[in-house]
Amino acid sequence: MKYANALMGGATLLAAAAVAMAATPLHGRAAKPVIVTGEQREIITRQVSYADLDLASMTGKRALNRRVGFAVQDVCSEAVGRSDTWGFRYCSVDAWRDARPQISLAVERARQIASTGTSSITAAAAITFAVRD
């Protein structure tokens, strides 16, 4: 629930800020400043190297997906904890959402290099994603 609560807390802070900005002073008196505070959250990142994999092969693609899967479980266990089933699930979905486009680009780059010897896709050696605790 920690992850879901943090999302709800962020939405509440945004709503409070919007109300504070829309408020007008009463009877010509200067409005007092409204201060909104919130919990500072740490960003937890993971990098999954694939420099040693042949992503043009099915074996290499499977290995990269396994590595990313382990990293997603690891980062979400640290950020949310496994006891918060829904928070863990949302965290995993977000982490995979960040990782999948990078995986696709890496695989496409490997295919281009395998077929033509070059690629127009910028080289990277790791999949990187982040979640908030």
N, C-alpha and C. Protein backbone atom coordinates (compact mmCIF):
# COMPACT_ATOMS: atom_id res chain seq x y z
N MET A 1 0.82 -1.19 0.00
CA MET A 1 0.00 0.00 0.00
C MET A 1 0.86 1.25 0.00
N LYS A 2 2.10 1.10 0.41
CA LYS A 2 2.99 2.25 0.49
C LYS A 2 3.09 2.97 -0.85
N TYR A 3 3.18 2.20 -1.94
CA TYR A 3 3.30 2.78 -3.28
C TYR A 3 2.00 3.48 -3.67
N ALA A 4 0.85 2.81 -3.44
CA ALA A 4 -0.44 3.40 -3.77
C ALA A 4 -0.72 4.61 -2.89
N ASN A 5 -0.37 4.52 -1.60
CA ASN A 5 -0.57 5.67 -0.71
C ASN A 5 0.27 6.85 -1.14
N ALA A 6 1.47 6.59 -1.60
CA ALA A 6 2.34 7.67 -2.06
C ALA A 6 1.73 8.35 -3.28
N LEU A 7 1.13 7.56 -4.17
CA LEU A 7 0.48 8.15 -5.34
C LEU A 7 -0.71 9.02 -4.93
N MET A 8 -1.50 8.51 -3.98
CA MET A 8 -2.65 9.27 -3.50
C MET A 8 -2.19 10.53 -2.77
N GLY A 9 -1.10 10.42 -2.01
CA GLY A 9 -0.56 11.58 -1.30
C GLY A 9 -0.11 12.65 -2.26
N GLY A 10 0.52 12.24 -3.35
CA GLY A 10 0.96 13.20 -4.37
C GLY A 10 -0.22 13.90 -5.00
N ALA A 11 -1.30 13.17 -5.28
CA ALA A 11 -2.49 13.77 -5.87
C ALA A 11 -3.13 14.75 -4.89
N THR A 12 -3.13 14.40 -3.61
CA THR A 12 -3.69 15.30 -2.59
C THR A 12 -2.88 16.58 -2.50
N LEU A 13 -1.56 16.47 -2.56
CA LEU A 13 -0.71 17.66 -2.51
C LEU A 13 -0.95 18.55 -3.71
N LEU A 14 -1.11 17.96 -4.88
CA LEU A 14 -1.39 18.75 -6.08
C LEU A 14 -2.73 19.46 -5.97
N ALA A 15 -3.74 18.79 -5.46
CA ALA A 15 -5.05 19.40 -5.30
C ALA A 15 -5.00 20.54 -4.30
N ALA A 16 -4.29 20.35 -3.19
CA ALA A 16 -4.17 21.40 -2.19
C ALA A 16 -3.45 22.62 -2.75
N ALA A 17 -2.43 22.39 -3.55
CA ALA A 17 -1.70 23.50 -4.16
C ALA A 17 -2.59 24.26 -5.14
N ALA A 18 -3.41 23.55 -5.90
CA ALA A 18 -4.31 24.19 -6.85
C ALA A 18 -5.33 25.05 -6.12
N VAL A 19 -5.88 24.55 -5.03
CA VAL A 19 -6.86 25.33 -4.25
C VAL A 19 -6.19 26.56 -3.67
N ALA A 20 -4.99 26.41 -3.16
CA ALA A 20 -4.29 27.54 -2.56
C ALA A 20 -4.00 28.62 -3.59
N MET A 21 -3.66 28.23 -4.81
CA MET A 21 -3.35 29.20 -5.85
C MET A 21 -4.62 29.90 -6.33
N ALA A 22 -5.76 29.21 -6.29
CA ALA A 22 -7.01 29.79 -6.78
C ALA A 22 -7.68 30.69 -5.74
N ALA A 23 -7.30 30.57 -4.48
CA ALA A 23 -7.93 31.37 -3.42
C ALA A 23 -7.61 32.85 -3.59
N THR A 24 -8.59 33.68 -3.32
CA THR A 24 -8.40 35.13 -3.41
C THR A 24 -8.50 35.73 -2.02
N PRO A 25 -7.81 36.84 -1.76
CA PRO A 25 -7.89 37.47 -0.45
C PRO A 25 -9.31 37.98 -0.17
N LEU A 26 -9.73 37.90 1.08
CA LEU A 26 -11.04 38.39 1.48
C LEU A 26 -10.95 39.85 1.94
N HIS A 27 -11.89 40.67 1.53
CA HIS A 27 -12.01 42.05 1.98
C HIS A 27 -10.73 42.84 1.84
N GLY A 28 -9.99 42.62 0.80
CA GLY A 28 -8.80 43.42 0.53
C GLY A 28 -7.61 43.11 1.41
N ARG A 29 -7.72 42.17 2.31
CA ARG A 29 -6.58 41.82 3.15
C ARG A 29 -5.64 40.91 2.38
N ALA A 30 -4.37 41.04 2.69
CA ALA A 30 -3.37 40.20 2.04
C ALA A 30 -3.54 38.76 2.51
N ALA A 31 -3.47 37.86 1.58
CA ALA A 31 -3.60 36.44 1.91
C ALA A 31 -2.32 35.96 2.58
N LYS A 32 -2.48 35.09 3.55
CA LYS A 32 -1.33 34.49 4.19
C LYS A 32 -0.81 33.37 3.29
N PRO A 33 0.50 33.19 3.25
CA PRO A 33 1.04 32.12 2.40
C PRO A 33 0.59 30.75 2.90
N VAL A 34 0.33 29.87 1.96
CA VAL A 34 -0.03 28.50 2.27
C VAL A 34 1.19 27.64 1.96
N ILE A 35 1.61 26.88 2.93
CA ILE A 35 2.78 26.02 2.76
C ILE A 35 2.30 24.58 2.76
N VAL A 36 2.63 23.88 1.70
CA VAL A 36 2.26 22.47 1.58
C VAL A 36 3.54 21.66 1.69
N THR A 37 3.53 20.72 2.60
CA THR A 37 4.71 19.87 2.76
C THR A 37 4.32 18.43 2.48
N GLY A 38 5.29 17.66 2.14
CA GLY A 38 5.04 16.24 1.87
C GLY A 38 6.27 15.44 2.21
N GLU A 39 6.09 14.17 2.17
CA GLU A 39 7.17 13.24 2.48
C GLU A 39 8.14 13.18 1.30
N GLN A 40 9.42 13.32 1.58
CA GLN A 40 10.43 13.20 0.53
C GLN A 40 10.65 11.72 0.27
N ARG A 41 10.61 11.36 -1.01
CA ARG A 41 10.74 9.96 -1.38
C ARG A 41 12.03 9.74 -2.15
N GLU A 42 12.63 8.62 -1.89
CA GLU A 42 13.88 8.26 -2.54
C GLU A 42 13.58 7.57 -3.88
N ILE A 43 14.42 7.84 -4.87
CA ILE A 43 14.31 7.15 -6.15
C ILE A 43 15.32 6.01 -6.15
N ILE A 44 14.83 4.83 -6.45
CA ILE A 44 15.66 3.63 -6.47
C ILE A 44 15.81 3.20 -7.92
N THR A 45 17.02 3.04 -8.38
CA THR A 45 17.26 2.68 -9.77
C THR A 45 17.96 1.33 -9.88
N ARG A 46 17.79 0.73 -11.03
CA ARG A 46 18.50 -0.51 -11.35
C ARG A 46 18.98 -0.39 -12.80
N GLN A 47 20.18 -0.93 -13.04
CA GLN A 47 20.72 -1.06 -14.38
C GLN A 47 20.95 -2.53 -14.65
N VAL A 48 20.49 -2.98 -15.80
CA VAL A 48 20.64 -4.38 -16.18
C VAL A 48 21.52 -4.41 -17.42
N SER A 49 22.72 -4.92 -17.26
CA SER A 49 23.67 -4.98 -18.37
C SER A 49 23.29 -6.09 -19.34
N TYR A 50 23.49 -5.82 -20.61
CA TYR A 50 23.30 -6.85 -21.63
C TYR A 50 24.48 -6.87 -22.61
N ALA A 51 25.58 -6.26 -22.21
CA ALA A 51 26.76 -6.17 -23.07
C ALA A 51 27.27 -7.56 -23.47
N ASP A 52 27.04 -8.56 -22.64
CA ASP A 52 27.54 -9.90 -22.92
C ASP A 52 26.55 -10.77 -23.68
N LEU A 53 25.38 -10.22 -24.03
CA LEU A 53 24.34 -11.02 -24.68
C LEU A 53 24.26 -10.75 -26.18
N ASP A 54 23.91 -11.75 -26.93
CA ASP A 54 23.62 -11.60 -28.36
C ASP A 54 22.11 -11.43 -28.49
N LEU A 55 21.67 -10.18 -28.55
CA LEU A 55 20.23 -9.91 -28.59
C LEU A 55 19.60 -10.20 -29.95
N ALA A 56 20.40 -10.54 -30.94
CA ALA A 56 19.85 -10.95 -32.22
C ALA A 56 19.35 -12.40 -32.15
N SER A 57 19.72 -13.10 -31.08
CA SER A 57 19.26 -14.49 -30.90
C SER A 57 18.13 -14.54 -29.88
N MET A 58 17.30 -15.56 -30.01
CA MET A 58 16.20 -15.75 -29.07
C MET A 58 16.74 -16.03 -27.66
N THR A 59 17.84 -16.75 -27.57
CA THR A 59 18.46 -17.05 -26.27
C THR A 59 18.88 -15.76 -25.57
N GLY A 60 19.49 -14.84 -26.31
CA GLY A 60 19.90 -13.57 -25.74
C GLY A 60 18.73 -12.73 -25.27
N LYS A 61 17.66 -12.70 -26.07
CA LYS A 61 16.46 -11.93 -25.69
C LYS A 61 15.83 -12.49 -24.42
N ARG A 62 15.75 -13.83 -24.35
CA ARG A 62 15.18 -14.46 -23.15
C ARG A 62 16.03 -14.15 -21.92
N ALA A 63 17.34 -14.21 -22.09
CA ALA A 63 18.24 -13.93 -20.97
C ALA A 63 18.06 -12.49 -20.49
N LEU A 64 17.94 -11.54 -21.41
CA LEU A 64 17.74 -10.14 -21.01
C LEU A 64 16.41 -9.97 -20.28
N ASN A 65 15.36 -10.58 -20.78
CA ASN A 65 14.06 -10.47 -20.11
C ASN A 65 14.10 -11.08 -18.72
N ARG A 66 14.81 -12.19 -18.55
CA ARG A 66 14.96 -12.79 -17.21
C ARG A 66 15.70 -11.84 -16.28
N ARG A 67 16.79 -11.25 -16.77
CA ARG A 67 17.57 -10.31 -15.95
C ARG A 67 16.72 -9.12 -15.53
N VAL A 68 15.98 -8.58 -16.48
CA VAL A 68 15.12 -7.43 -16.16
C VAL A 68 14.05 -7.86 -15.15
N GLY A 69 13.48 -9.03 -15.33
CA GLY A 69 12.47 -9.53 -14.40
C GLY A 69 13.01 -9.64 -12.97
N PHE A 70 14.21 -10.17 -12.83
CA PHE A 70 14.83 -10.26 -11.50
C PHE A 70 15.08 -8.86 -10.93
N ALA A 71 15.54 -7.95 -11.77
CA ALA A 71 15.82 -6.58 -11.31
C ALA A 71 14.52 -5.87 -10.90
N VAL A 72 13.44 -6.09 -11.64
CA VAL A 72 12.14 -5.49 -11.29
C VAL A 72 11.69 -6.02 -9.93
N GLN A 73 11.77 -7.32 -9.73
CA GLN A 73 11.39 -7.89 -8.43
C GLN A 73 12.24 -7.32 -7.31
N ASP A 74 13.53 -7.19 -7.57
CA ASP A 74 14.45 -6.68 -6.56
C ASP A 74 14.14 -5.22 -6.20
N VAL A 75 13.98 -4.37 -7.21
CA VAL A 75 13.76 -2.95 -6.94
C VAL A 75 12.40 -2.73 -6.29
N CYS A 76 11.39 -3.47 -6.70
CA CYS A 76 10.06 -3.29 -6.09
C CYS A 76 10.00 -3.88 -4.69
N SER A 77 10.76 -4.94 -4.43
CA SER A 77 10.85 -5.47 -3.07
C SER A 77 11.47 -4.43 -2.15
N GLU A 78 12.49 -3.74 -2.65
CA GLU A 78 13.13 -2.69 -1.85
C GLU A 78 12.23 -1.48 -1.68
N ALA A 79 11.55 -1.07 -2.74
CA ALA A 79 10.74 0.15 -2.70
C ALA A 79 9.43 -0.03 -1.96
N VAL A 80 8.77 -1.16 -2.18
CA VAL A 80 7.42 -1.35 -1.67
C VAL A 80 7.34 -2.48 -0.65
N GLY A 81 8.03 -3.55 -0.93
CA GLY A 81 7.95 -4.74 -0.09
C GLY A 81 6.94 -5.71 -0.67
N ARG A 82 7.21 -6.97 -0.50
CA ARG A 82 6.34 -7.99 -1.09
C ARG A 82 5.02 -8.16 -0.32
N SER A 83 4.97 -7.70 0.92
CA SER A 83 3.74 -7.86 1.70
C SER A 83 2.63 -6.94 1.19
N ASP A 84 3.00 -5.86 0.52
CA ASP A 84 2.02 -4.95 -0.09
C ASP A 84 1.77 -5.42 -1.51
N THR A 85 0.86 -6.38 -1.67
CA THR A 85 0.64 -7.04 -2.96
C THR A 85 0.30 -6.06 -4.07
N TRP A 86 -0.66 -5.16 -3.82
CA TRP A 86 -1.07 -4.21 -4.87
C TRP A 86 0.02 -3.19 -5.16
N GLY A 87 0.68 -2.69 -4.13
CA GLY A 87 1.78 -1.75 -4.33
C GLY A 87 2.91 -2.39 -5.12
N PHE A 88 3.21 -3.65 -4.80
CA PHE A 88 4.25 -4.38 -5.52
C PHE A 88 3.86 -4.55 -6.99
N ARG A 89 2.60 -4.88 -7.22
CA ARG A 89 2.12 -5.08 -8.59
C ARG A 89 2.20 -3.78 -9.39
N TYR A 90 1.75 -2.66 -8.81
CA TYR A 90 1.83 -1.36 -9.50
C TYR A 90 3.28 -0.97 -9.77
N CYS A 91 4.13 -1.21 -8.80
CA CYS A 91 5.55 -0.91 -8.97
C CYS A 91 6.13 -1.72 -10.13
N SER A 92 5.80 -3.00 -10.18
CA SER A 92 6.30 -3.87 -11.24
C SER A 92 5.82 -3.41 -12.61
N VAL A 93 4.55 -3.06 -12.70
CA VAL A 93 4.00 -2.57 -13.98
C VAL A 93 4.75 -1.32 -14.43
N ASP A 94 4.98 -0.39 -13.50
CA ASP A 94 5.70 0.85 -13.84
C ASP A 94 7.13 0.57 -14.27
N ALA A 95 7.81 -0.31 -13.57
CA ALA A 95 9.20 -0.62 -13.90
C ALA A 95 9.28 -1.28 -15.28
N TRP A 96 8.38 -2.23 -15.55
CA TRP A 96 8.37 -2.88 -16.87
C TRP A 96 8.01 -1.87 -17.97
N ARG A 97 7.13 -0.93 -17.66
CA ARG A 97 6.76 0.10 -18.64
C ARG A 97 7.98 0.92 -19.05
N ASP A 98 8.87 1.17 -18.10
CA ASP A 98 10.11 1.89 -18.40
C ASP A 98 11.10 1.01 -19.16
N ALA A 99 11.16 -0.27 -18.82
CA ALA A 99 12.17 -1.16 -19.38
C ALA A 99 11.84 -1.66 -20.79
N ARG A 100 10.58 -1.94 -21.08
CA ARG A 100 10.22 -2.55 -22.36
C ARG A 100 10.67 -1.77 -23.59
N PRO A 101 10.47 -0.44 -23.65
CA PRO A 101 10.94 0.28 -24.84
C PRO A 101 12.46 0.20 -25.00
N GLN A 102 13.17 0.19 -23.90
CA GLN A 102 14.63 0.07 -23.96
C GLN A 102 15.04 -1.32 -24.46
N ILE A 103 14.33 -2.33 -24.03
CA ILE A 103 14.60 -3.69 -24.49
C ILE A 103 14.35 -3.77 -26.00
N SER A 104 13.24 -3.21 -26.44
CA SER A 104 12.90 -3.24 -27.88
C SER A 104 13.97 -2.55 -28.71
N LEU A 105 14.44 -1.40 -28.25
CA LEU A 105 15.50 -0.69 -28.98
C LEU A 105 16.79 -1.50 -29.02
N ALA A 106 17.14 -2.10 -27.91
CA ALA A 106 18.37 -2.90 -27.86
C ALA A 106 18.28 -4.09 -28.81
N VAL A 107 17.13 -4.75 -28.85
CA VAL A 107 16.94 -5.90 -29.74
C VAL A 107 16.96 -5.44 -31.19
N GLU A 108 16.29 -4.35 -31.49
CA GLU A 108 16.27 -3.84 -32.86
C GLU A 108 17.67 -3.44 -33.31
N ARG A 109 18.44 -2.83 -32.44
CA ARG A 109 19.82 -2.46 -32.77
C ARG A 109 20.64 -3.71 -33.09
N ALA A 110 20.47 -4.74 -32.27
CA ALA A 110 21.20 -5.99 -32.50
C ALA A 110 20.80 -6.62 -33.82
N ARG A 111 19.52 -6.58 -34.17
CA ARG A 111 19.06 -7.13 -35.46
C ARG A 111 19.66 -6.35 -36.63
N GLN A 112 19.67 -5.02 -36.52
CA GLN A 112 20.24 -4.20 -37.58
C GLN A 112 21.72 -4.53 -37.78
N ILE A 113 22.44 -4.62 -36.70
CA ILE A 113 23.88 -4.91 -36.79
C ILE A 113 24.10 -6.31 -37.36
N ALA A 114 23.27 -7.27 -36.96
CA ALA A 114 23.41 -8.64 -37.47
C ALA A 114 23.14 -8.71 -38.96
N SER A 115 22.19 -7.90 -39.45
CA SER A 115 21.84 -7.99 -40.87
C SER A 115 22.64 -7.06 -41.78
N THR A 116 23.05 -5.88 -41.28
CA THR A 116 23.74 -4.91 -42.14
C THR A 116 25.14 -4.55 -41.67
N GLY A 117 25.46 -4.89 -40.44
CA GLY A 117 26.77 -4.54 -39.90
C GLY A 117 26.79 -3.18 -39.20
N THR A 118 25.72 -2.41 -39.32
CA THR A 118 25.63 -1.10 -38.65
C THR A 118 24.21 -0.91 -38.12
N SER A 119 24.06 0.15 -37.33
CA SER A 119 22.73 0.49 -36.81
C SER A 119 22.63 2.00 -36.63
N SER A 120 21.45 2.52 -36.87
CA SER A 120 21.21 3.94 -36.64
C SER A 120 20.80 4.22 -35.19
N ILE A 121 20.59 3.16 -34.42
CA ILE A 121 20.16 3.30 -33.02
C ILE A 121 21.39 3.48 -32.15
N THR A 122 21.34 4.48 -31.28
CA THR A 122 22.45 4.78 -30.38
C THR A 122 22.73 3.59 -29.47
N ALA A 123 24.01 3.31 -29.32
CA ALA A 123 24.42 2.17 -28.50
C ALA A 123 24.20 2.43 -27.02
N ALA A 124 23.77 1.40 -26.33
CA ALA A 124 23.66 1.41 -24.87
C ALA A 124 24.06 0.01 -24.43
N ALA A 125 24.46 -0.13 -23.20
CA ALA A 125 24.89 -1.44 -22.73
C ALA A 125 24.08 -1.91 -21.54
N ALA A 126 23.02 -1.15 -21.19
CA ALA A 126 22.22 -1.53 -20.02
C ALA A 126 20.80 -0.99 -20.16
N ILE A 127 19.88 -1.68 -19.53
CA ILE A 127 18.50 -1.23 -19.38
C ILE A 127 18.46 -0.54 -18.02
N THR A 128 17.93 0.68 -17.97
CA THR A 128 17.88 1.44 -16.72
C THR A 128 16.43 1.82 -16.43
N PHE A 129 15.99 1.59 -15.19
CA PHE A 129 14.66 2.02 -14.78
C PHE A 129 14.71 2.42 -13.32
N ALA A 130 13.71 3.20 -12.92
CA ALA A 130 13.68 3.73 -11.55
C ALA A 130 12.27 3.66 -11.00
N VAL A 131 12.16 3.51 -9.69
CA VAL A 131 10.89 3.59 -8.98
C VAL A 131 11.09 4.43 -7.73
N ARG A 132 10.01 4.94 -7.19
CA ARG A 132 10.07 5.71 -5.94
C ARG A 132 9.62 4.81 -4.81
N ASP A 133 10.32 4.94 -3.68
CA ASP A 133 9.93 4.12 -2.53
C ASP A 133 8.76 4.75 -1.82
